[in-house]
PDB file of N, CA and C in Angstrom:
ATOM      1  N   MET A   1      38.849 -20.817-218.449  1.00  0.00           N
ATOM      2  CA  MET A   1      39.746 -20.976-217.303  1.00  0.00           C
ATOM      3  C   MET A   1      41.221 -20.822-217.706  1.00  0.00           C
ATOM      4  N   ILE A   2      41.937 -19.962-216.595  1.00  0.00           N
ATOM      5  CA  ILE A   2      42.760 -19.637-216.864  1.00  0.00           C
ATOM      6  C   ILE A   2      43.860 -20.511-216.383  1.00  0.00           C
ATOM      7  N   THR A   3      44.942 -21.124-216.950  1.00  0.00           N
ATOM      8  CA  THR A   3      45.921 -22.161-216.397  1.00  0.00           C
ATOM      9  C   THR A   3      47.364 -21.439-216.394  1.00  0.00           C
ATOM     10  N   ILE A   4      47.526 -21.767-215.083  1.00  0.00           N
ATOM     11  CA  ILE A   4      49.236 -21.232-214.819  1.00  0.00           C
ATOM     12  C   ILE A   4      50.138 -21.915-215.066  1.00  0.00           C
ATOM     13  N   PRO A   5      51.222 -21.723-215.557  1.00  0.00           N
ATOM     14  CA  PRO A   5      52.229 -22.314-216.103  1.00  0.00           C
ATOM     15  C   PRO A   5      53.259 -22.935-214.656  1.00  0.00           C
ATOM     16  N   SER A   6      53.507 -24.434-214.636  1.00  0.00           N
ATOM     17  CA  SER A   6      54.201 -24.970-213.419  1.00  0.00           C
ATOM     18  C   SER A   6      55.262 -23.837-212.967  1.00  0.00           C
ATOM     19  N   ASP A   7      56.199 -23.034-213.580  1.00  0.00           N
ATOM     20  CA  ASP A   7      56.932 -22.595-213.230  1.00  0.00           C
ATOM     21  C   ASP A   7      56.798 -21.288-212.737  1.00  0.00           C
ATOM     22  N   TYR A   8      55.231 -20.545-212.453  1.00  0.00           N
ATOM     23  CA  TYR A   8      54.717 -19.682-212.004  1.00  0.00           C
ATOM     24  C   TYR A   8      53.576 -19.763-210.719  1.00  0.00           C
ATOM     25  N   SER A   9      53.643 -20.980-210.404  1.00  0.00           N
ATOM     26  CA  SER A   9      52.589 -21.651-209.682  1.00  0.00           C
ATOM     27  C   SER A   9      52.919 -21.404-208.245  1.00  0.00           C
ATOM     28  N   ASP A  10      54.087 -20.441-207.540  1.00  0.00           N
ATOM     29  CA  ASP A  10      54.664 -20.343-206.316  1.00  0.00           C
ATOM     30  C   ASP A  10      55.009 -18.501-206.211  1.00  0.00           C
ATOM     31  N   ILE A  11      54.208 -18.057-206.954  1.00  0.00           N
ATOM     32  CA  ILE A  11      54.830 -16.483-207.138  1.00  0.00           C
ATOM     33  C   ILE A  11      54.516 -15.848-205.860  1.00  0.00           C
ATOM     34  N   ARG A  12      55.312 -15.355-204.975  1.00  0.00           N
ATOM     35  CA  ARG A  12      54.765 -14.692-203.921  1.00  0.00           C
ATOM     36  C   ARG A  12      55.567 -13.449-203.546  1.00  0.00           C
ATOM     37  N   LEU A  13      54.994 -12.726-202.847  1.00  0.00           N
ATOM     38  CA  LEU A  13      55.586 -11.490-202.178  1.00  0.00           C
ATOM     39  C   LEU A  13      57.123 -11.678-201.512  1.00  0.00           C
ATOM     40  N   PRO A  14      58.118 -10.967-201.802  1.00  0.00           N
ATOM     41  CA  PRO A  14      59.082 -10.842-200.589  1.00  0.00           C
ATOM     42  C   PRO A  14      58.705 -10.767-199.076  1.00  0.00           C
ATOM     43  N   ARG A  15      59.301 -11.768-198.348  1.00  0.00           N
ATOM     44  CA  ARG A  15      58.956 -11.629-196.998  1.00  0.00           C
ATOM     45  C   ARG A  15      58.939 -10.642-196.264  1.00  0.00           C
ATOM     46  N   GLN A  16      59.764  -9.423-196.217  1.00  0.00           N
ATOM     47  CA  GLN A  16      59.442  -8.214-195.850  1.00  0.00           C
ATOM     48  C   GLN A  16      58.549  -6.968-196.420  1.00  0.00           C
ATOM     49  N   VAL A  17      58.284  -7.497-197.663  1.00  0.00           N
ATOM     50  CA  VAL A  17      57.057  -6.805-198.264  1.00  0.00           C
ATOM     51  C   VAL A  17      55.595  -6.989-197.448  1.00  0.00           C
ATOM     52  N   GLN A  18      55.453  -8.904-197.444  1.00  0.00           N
ATOM     53  CA  GLN A  18      54.403  -9.082-196.669  1.00  0.00           C
ATOM     54  C   GLN A  18      54.154  -8.943-195.482  1.00  0.00           C
ATOM     55  N   LEU A  19      55.585  -8.757-194.341  1.00  0.00           N
ATOM     56  CA  LEU A  19      55.274  -8.113-192.996  1.00  0.00           C
ATOM     57  C   LEU A  19      54.753  -6.856-193.022  1.00  0.00           C
ATOM     58  N   ARG A  20      55.308  -6.121-193.772  1.00  0.00           N
ATOM     59  CA  ARG A  20      55.247  -4.459-194.072  1.00  0.00           C
ATOM     60  C   ARG A  20      53.399  -4.275-194.478  1.00  0.00           C
ATOM     61  N   ARG A  21      53.063  -5.302-195.284  1.00  0.00           N
ATOM     62  CA  ARG A  21      51.477  -5.041-195.591  1.00  0.00           C
ATOM     63  C   ARG A  21      50.683  -5.682-194.244  1.00  0.00           C
ATOM     64  N   MET A  22      51.025  -6.610-193.474  1.00  0.00           N
ATOM     65  CA  MET A  22      50.249  -7.297-192.544  1.00  0.00           C
ATOM     66  C   MET A  22      50.434  -5.748-191.661  1.00  0.00           C
ATOM     67  N   GLU A  23      51.581  -5.489-190.989  1.00  0.00           N
ATOM     68  CA  GLU A  23      51.598  -4.624-189.863  1.00  0.00           C
ATOM     69  C   GLU A  23      50.814  -3.422-190.358  1.00  0.00           C
ATOM     70  N   ARG A  24      50.496  -3.115-191.771  1.00  0.00           N
ATOM     71  CA  ARG A  24      49.688  -1.505-192.065  1.00  0.00           C
ATOM     72  C   ARG A  24      48.259  -2.001-191.969  1.00  0.00           C
ATOM     73  N   VAL A  25      48.118  -3.466-192.277  1.00  0.00           N
ATOM     74  CA  VAL A  25      46.417  -4.133-191.846  1.00  0.00           C
ATOM     75  C   VAL A  25      46.287  -4.136-190.174  1.00  0.00           C
ATOM     76  N   ILE A  26      46.892  -4.562-189.828  1.00  0.00           N
ATOM     77  CA  ILE A  26      46.645  -5.017-188.142  1.00  0.00           C
ATOM     78  C   ILE A  26      46.709  -3.400-187.568  1.00  0.00           C
ATOM     79  N   ARG A  27      47.452  -2.087-187.948  1.00  0.00           N
ATOM     80  CA  ARG A  27      47.401  -1.143-187.527  1.00  0.00           C
ATOM     81  C   ARG A  27      45.999  -0.217-188.099  1.00  0.00           C
ATOM     82  N   ASP A  28      45.880  -0.361-189.352  1.00  0.00           N
ATOM     83  CA  ASP A  28      44.933   0.422-190.136  1.00  0.00           C
ATOM     84  C   ASP A  28      43.250   0.037-190.376  1.00  0.00           C
ATOM     85  N   GLU A  29      43.432  -1.342-190.218  1.00  0.00           N
ATOM     86  CA  GLU A  29      41.887  -2.176-190.555  1.00  0.00           C
ATOM     87  C   GLU A  29      41.432  -2.714-189.514  1.00  0.00           C
ATOM     88  N   LEU A  30      42.163  -2.946-188.804  1.00  0.00           N
ATOM     89  CA  LEU A  30      41.478  -3.948-187.295  1.00  0.00           C
ATOM     90  C   LEU A  30      41.303  -2.761-186.004  1.00  0.00           C
ATOM     91  N   THR A  31      39.693  -3.503-185.491  1.00  0.00           N
ATOM     92  CA  THR A  31      39.256  -2.273-184.385  1.00  0.00           C
ATOM     93  C   THR A  31      40.327  -2.563-183.398  1.00  0.00           C
ATOM     94  N   ASP A  32      40.224  -1.836-182.230  1.00  0.00           N
ATOM     95  CA  ASP A  32      41.310  -1.653-181.366  1.00  0.00           C
ATOM     96  C   ASP A  32      40.768  -3.005-180.530  1.00  0.00           C
ATOM     97  N   LEU A  33      40.164  -3.569-180.322  1.00  0.00           N
ATOM     98  CA  LEU A  33      39.615  -4.854-179.699  1.00  0.00           C
ATOM     99  C   LEU A  33      40.487  -6.274-180.750  1.00  0.00           C
ATOM    100  N   GLN A  34      39.933  -6.018-181.821  1.00  0.00           N
ATOM    101  CA  GLN A  34      40.260  -7.320-182.425  1.00  0.00           C
ATOM    102  C   GLN A  34      41.890  -7.176-182.761  1.00  0.00           C
ATOM    103  N   ARG A  35      42.626  -5.778-182.729  1.00  0.00           N
ATOM    104  CA  ARG A  35      44.103  -5.755-182.663  1.00  0.00           C
ATOM    105  C   ARG A  35      44.486  -6.215-181.343  1.00  0.00           C
ATOM    106  N   GLU A  36      43.726  -5.720-180.079  1.00  0.00           N
ATOM    107  CA  GLU A  36      44.704  -6.459-178.955  1.00  0.00           C
ATOM    108  C   GLU A  36      44.377  -7.766-179.043  1.00  0.00           C
ATOM    109  N   VAL A  37      43.548  -8.335-179.163  1.00  0.00           N
ATOM    110  CA  VAL A  37      43.179  -9.977-179.059  1.00  0.00           C
ATOM    111  C   VAL A  37      44.326 -10.561-180.193  1.00  0.00           C
ATOM    112  N   LEU A  38      44.433 -10.050-181.356  1.00  0.00           N
ATOM    113  CA  LEU A  38      45.147 -10.949-181.973  1.00  0.00           C
ATOM    114  C   LEU A  38      46.718 -10.799-181.483  1.00  0.00           C
ATOM    115  N   LEU A  39      46.941  -9.539-180.953  1.00  0.00           N
ATOM    116  CA  LEU A  39      48.554  -9.399-180.912  1.00  0.00           C
ATOM    117  C   LEU A  39      48.799 -10.468-179.350  1.00  0.00           C
ATOM    118  N   ALA A  40      47.657 -10.137-178.453  1.00  0.00           N
ATOM    119  CA  ALA A  40      47.952 -10.804-177.533  1.00  0.00           C
ATOM    120  C   ALA A  40      48.317 -12.410-177.350  1.00  0.00           C
ATOM    121  N   ILE A  41      47.405 -12.795-178.325  1.00  0.00           N
ATOM    122  CA  ILE A  41      47.393 -14.379-178.418  1.00  0.00           C
ATOM    123  C   ILE A  41      48.710 -14.758-179.215  1.00  0.00           C
ATOM    124  N   TYR A  42      48.985 -14.072-180.615  1.00  0.00           N
ATOM    125  CA  TYR A  42      49.841 -14.374-181.439  1.00  0.00           C
ATOM    126  C   TYR A  42      51.585 -14.030-181.250  1.00  0.00           C
ATOM    127  N   TYR A  43      51.415 -12.788-180.496  1.00  0.00           N
ATOM    128  CA  TYR A  43      52.756 -11.983-180.504  1.00  0.00           C
ATOM    129  C   TYR A  43      52.960 -12.279-178.804  1.00  0.00           C
ATOM    130  N   CYS A  44      52.047 -12.230-178.243  1.00  0.00           N
ATOM    131  CA  CYS A  44      52.706 -12.739-176.654  1.00  0.00           C
ATOM    132  C   CYS A  44      52.272 -14.182-176.134  1.00  0.00           C
ATOM    133  N   GLY A  45      51.915 -14.649-177.067  1.00  0.00           N
ATOM    134  CA  GLY A  45      51.828 -16.170-176.591  1.00  0.00           C
ATOM    135  C   GLY A  45      50.506 -16.325-175.384  1.00  0.00           C
ATOM    136  N   LYS A  46      49.571 -15.218-175.407  1.00  0.00           N
ATOM    137  CA  LYS A  46      48.399 -15.938-174.105  1.00  0.00           C
ATOM    138  C   LYS A  46      47.460 -16.860-174.647  1.00  0.00           C
ATOM    139  N   THR A  47      46.825 -17.554-173.852  1.00  0.00           N
ATOM    140  CA  THR A  47      45.605 -18.346-174.135  1.00  0.00           C
ATOM    141  C   THR A  47      44.640 -17.235-174.546  1.00  0.00           C
ATOM    142  N   GLN A  48      43.304 -18.007-175.220  1.00  0.00           N
ATOM    143  CA  GLN A  48      42.109 -17.148-175.451  1.00  0.00           C
ATOM    144  C   GLN A  48      41.464 -17.130-173.660  1.00  0.00           C
ATOM    145  N   ALA A  49      41.603 -18.016-172.919  1.00  0.00           N
ATOM    146  CA  ALA A  49      41.010 -17.818-171.716  1.00  0.00           C
ATOM    147  C   ALA A  49      41.930 -16.659-170.917  1.00  0.00           C
ATOM    148  N   GLN A  50      43.248 -16.628-170.831  1.00  0.00           N
ATOM    149  CA  GLN A  50      43.562 -15.598-170.321  1.00  0.00           C
ATOM    150  C   GLN A  50      43.490 -14.272-170.637  1.00  0.00           C
ATOM    151  N   VAL A  51      43.240 -14.184-172.051  1.00  0.00           N
ATOM    152  CA  VAL A  51      42.726 -13.053-172.900  1.00  0.00           C
ATOM    153  C   VAL A  51      41.594 -12.414-172.218  1.00  0.00           C
ATOM    154  N   ALA A  52      40.636 -13.628-172.154  1.00  0.00           N
ATOM    155  CA  ALA A  52      39.291 -13.161-171.789  1.00  0.00           C
ATOM    156  C   ALA A  52      39.264 -12.620-170.408  1.00  0.00           C
ATOM    157  N   LYS A  53      40.195 -13.667-169.395  1.00  0.00           N
ATOM    158  CA  LYS A  53      39.961 -13.237-167.742  1.00  0.00           C
ATOM    159  C   LYS A  53      40.734 -11.746-167.948  1.00  0.00           C
ATOM    160  N   ASP A  54      41.580 -11.514-168.655  1.00  0.00           N
ATOM    161  CA  ASP A  54      42.459 -10.091-168.583  1.00  0.00           C
ATOM    162  C   ASP A  54      41.399  -8.870-169.011  1.00  0.00           C
ATOM    163  N   ARG A  55      40.570  -9.211-169.831  1.00  0.00           N
ATOM    164  CA  ARG A  55      39.589  -8.157-170.606  1.00  0.00           C
ATOM    165  C   ARG A  55      38.134  -8.312-169.553  1.00  0.00           C
ATOM    166  N   GLY A  56      37.879  -9.262-169.193  1.00  0.00           N
ATOM    167  CA  GLY A  56      36.714  -9.518-168.142  1.00  0.00           C
ATOM    168  C   GLY A  56      35.886  -9.713-168.947  1.00  0.00           C
ATOM    169  N   VAL A  57      35.939 -10.632-170.200  1.00  0.00           N
ATOM    170  CA  VAL A  57      34.706 -11.001-171.332  1.00  0.00           C
ATOM    171  C   VAL A  57      34.950 -12.579-171.029  1.00  0.00           C
ATOM    172  N   SER A  58      34.133 -13.184-171.754  1.00  0.00           N
ATOM    173  CA  SER A  58      34.020 -14.779-172.074  1.00  0.00           C
ATOM    174  C   SER A  58      35.120 -15.036-173.188  1.00  0.00           C
ATOM    175  N   ARG A  59      35.246 -16.401-173.022  1.00  0.00           N
ATOM    176  CA  ARG A  59      36.043 -16.776-173.880  1.00  0.00           C
ATOM    177  C   ARG A  59      35.657 -17.128-175.203  1.00  0.00           C
ATOM    178  N   SER A  60      34.623 -17.092-175.329  1.00  0.00           N
ATOM    179  CA  SER A  60      33.651 -17.110-176.820  1.00  0.00           C
ATOM    180  C   SER A  60      34.021 -15.753-177.335  1.00  0.00           C
ATOM    181  N   THR A  61      33.675 -14.929-176.439  1.00  0.00           N
ATOM    182  CA  THR A  61      34.100 -13.535-176.948  1.00  0.00           C
ATOM    183  C   THR A  61      35.287 -13.468-177.686  1.00  0.00           C
ATOM    184  N   VAL A  62      36.241 -13.466-176.975  1.00  0.00           N
ATOM    185  CA  VAL A  62      37.436 -13.801-177.432  1.00  0.00           C
ATOM    186  C   VAL A  62      37.841 -14.452-178.850  1.00  0.00           C
ATOM    187  N   CYS A  63      37.169 -15.846-178.807  1.00  0.00           N
ATOM    188  CA  CYS A  63      37.132 -16.563-179.883  1.00  0.00           C
ATOM    189  C   CYS A  63      36.372 -15.577-181.003  1.00  0.00           C
ATOM    190  N   ARG A  64      35.220 -15.206-180.961  1.00  0.00           N
ATOM    191  CA  ARG A  64      35.100 -14.553-182.045  1.00  0.00           C
ATOM    192  C   ARG A  64      35.458 -13.636-182.520  1.00  0.00           C
ATOM    193  N   THR A  65      36.498 -12.967-181.736  1.00  0.00           N
ATOM    194  CA  THR A  65      36.848 -11.822-182.013  1.00  0.00           C
ATOM    195  C   THR A  65      38.051 -11.753-182.777  1.00  0.00           C
ATOM    196  N   LEU A  66      38.819 -12.759-182.316  1.00  0.00           N
ATOM    197  CA  LEU A  66      40.202 -13.176-183.110  1.00  0.00           C
ATOM    198  C   LEU A  66      39.651 -13.949-184.418  1.00  0.00           C
ATOM    199  N   HIS A  67      38.297 -14.420-184.405  1.00  0.00           N
ATOM    200  CA  HIS A  67      38.346 -15.234-185.865  1.00  0.00           C
ATOM    201  C   HIS A  67      37.846 -14.154-186.813  1.00  0.00           C
ATOM    202  N   ARG A  68      37.099 -12.810-186.262  1.00  0.00           N
ATOM    203  CA  ARG A  68      36.777 -12.000-187.198  1.00  0.00           C
ATOM    204  C   ARG A  68      38.167 -10.906-187.463  1.00  0.00           C
ATOM    205  N   ALA A  69      39.091 -10.943-186.696  1.00  0.00           N
ATOM    206  CA  ALA A  69      40.205 -10.283-187.050  1.00  0.00           C
ATOM    207  C   ALA A  69      41.005 -11.158-188.074  1.00  0.00           C
ATOM    208  N   GLU A  70      41.163 -12.618-187.965  1.00  0.00           N
ATOM    209  CA  GLU A  70      41.876 -13.329-188.671  1.00  0.00           C
ATOM    210  C   GLU A  70      40.981 -13.286-189.959  1.00  0.00           C
ATOM    211  N   ALA A  71      39.712 -13.013-190.370  1.00  0.00           N
ATOM    212  CA  ALA A  71      39.073 -12.991-191.708  1.00  0.00           C
ATOM    213  C   ALA A  71      39.216 -11.778-192.327  1.00  0.00           C
ATOM    214  N   ARG A  72      39.247 -10.648-191.085  1.00  0.00           N
ATOM    215  CA  ARG A  72      39.524  -9.308-191.947  1.00  0.00           C
ATOM    216  C   ARG A  72      41.034  -9.332-192.150  1.00  0.00           C
ATOM    217  N   LEU A  73      41.976  -9.871-191.748  1.00  0.00           N
ATOM    218  CA  LEU A  73      43.269  -9.662-192.350  1.00  0.00           C
ATOM    219  C   LEU A  73      43.360 -10.535-193.926  1.00  0.00           C
ATOM    220  N   ARG A  74      42.961 -11.601-193.745  1.00  0.00           N
ATOM    221  CA  ARG A  74      42.925 -12.307-195.203  1.00  0.00           C
ATOM    222  C   ARG A  74      42.416 -11.703-196.286  1.00  0.00           C
ATOM    223  N   ARG A  75      41.007 -11.254-195.519  1.00  0.00           N
ATOM    224  CA  ARG A  75      40.474 -10.139-197.009  1.00  0.00           C
ATOM    225  C   ARG A  75      41.474  -8.590-197.421  1.00  0.00           C
ATOM    226  N   PHE A  76      41.849  -8.361-196.341  1.00  0.00           N
ATOM    227  CA  PHE A  76      42.777  -7.070-196.780  1.00  0.00           C
ATOM    228  C   PHE A  76      44.217  -7.646-197.949  1.00  0.00           C
ATOM    229  N   LEU A  77      44.337  -8.912-197.147  1.00  0.00           N
ATOM    230  CA  LEU A  77      45.858  -9.265-197.537  1.00  0.00           C
ATOM    231  C   LEU A  77      45.903  -9.998-198.850  1.00  0.00           C
ATOM    232  N   ARG A  78      44.619 -10.271-199.197  1.00  0.00           N
ATOM    233  CA  ARG A  78      44.585 -10.937-200.909  1.00  0.00           C
ATOM    234  C   ARG A  78      45.283  -9.808-201.655  1.00  0.00           C
ATOM    235  N   TYR A  79      45.668 -10.873-203.117  1.00  0.00           N
ATOM    236  CA  TYR A  79      46.316 -10.409-203.617  1.00  0.00           C
ATOM    237  C   TYR A  79      45.696 -10.647-205.150  1.00  0.00           C
TER     238      TYR A  79
END
């Protein structure tokens, strides 16, 4: 098992690098629906119910789509 010295326990990429990576993943790796739901909820501040009404789908569809988008983001942003 590898142990990480305490002075290296909080190594992170600079914020601007993290943001650029996230933008690229949102743009290139998410489906159109995943991108739309993710941006509507996190950047426009809409609720799942509002997004569902706008799209004409159930709230559970929006919830499932958001969950899959977040999982995909996590998978592509691991380092």
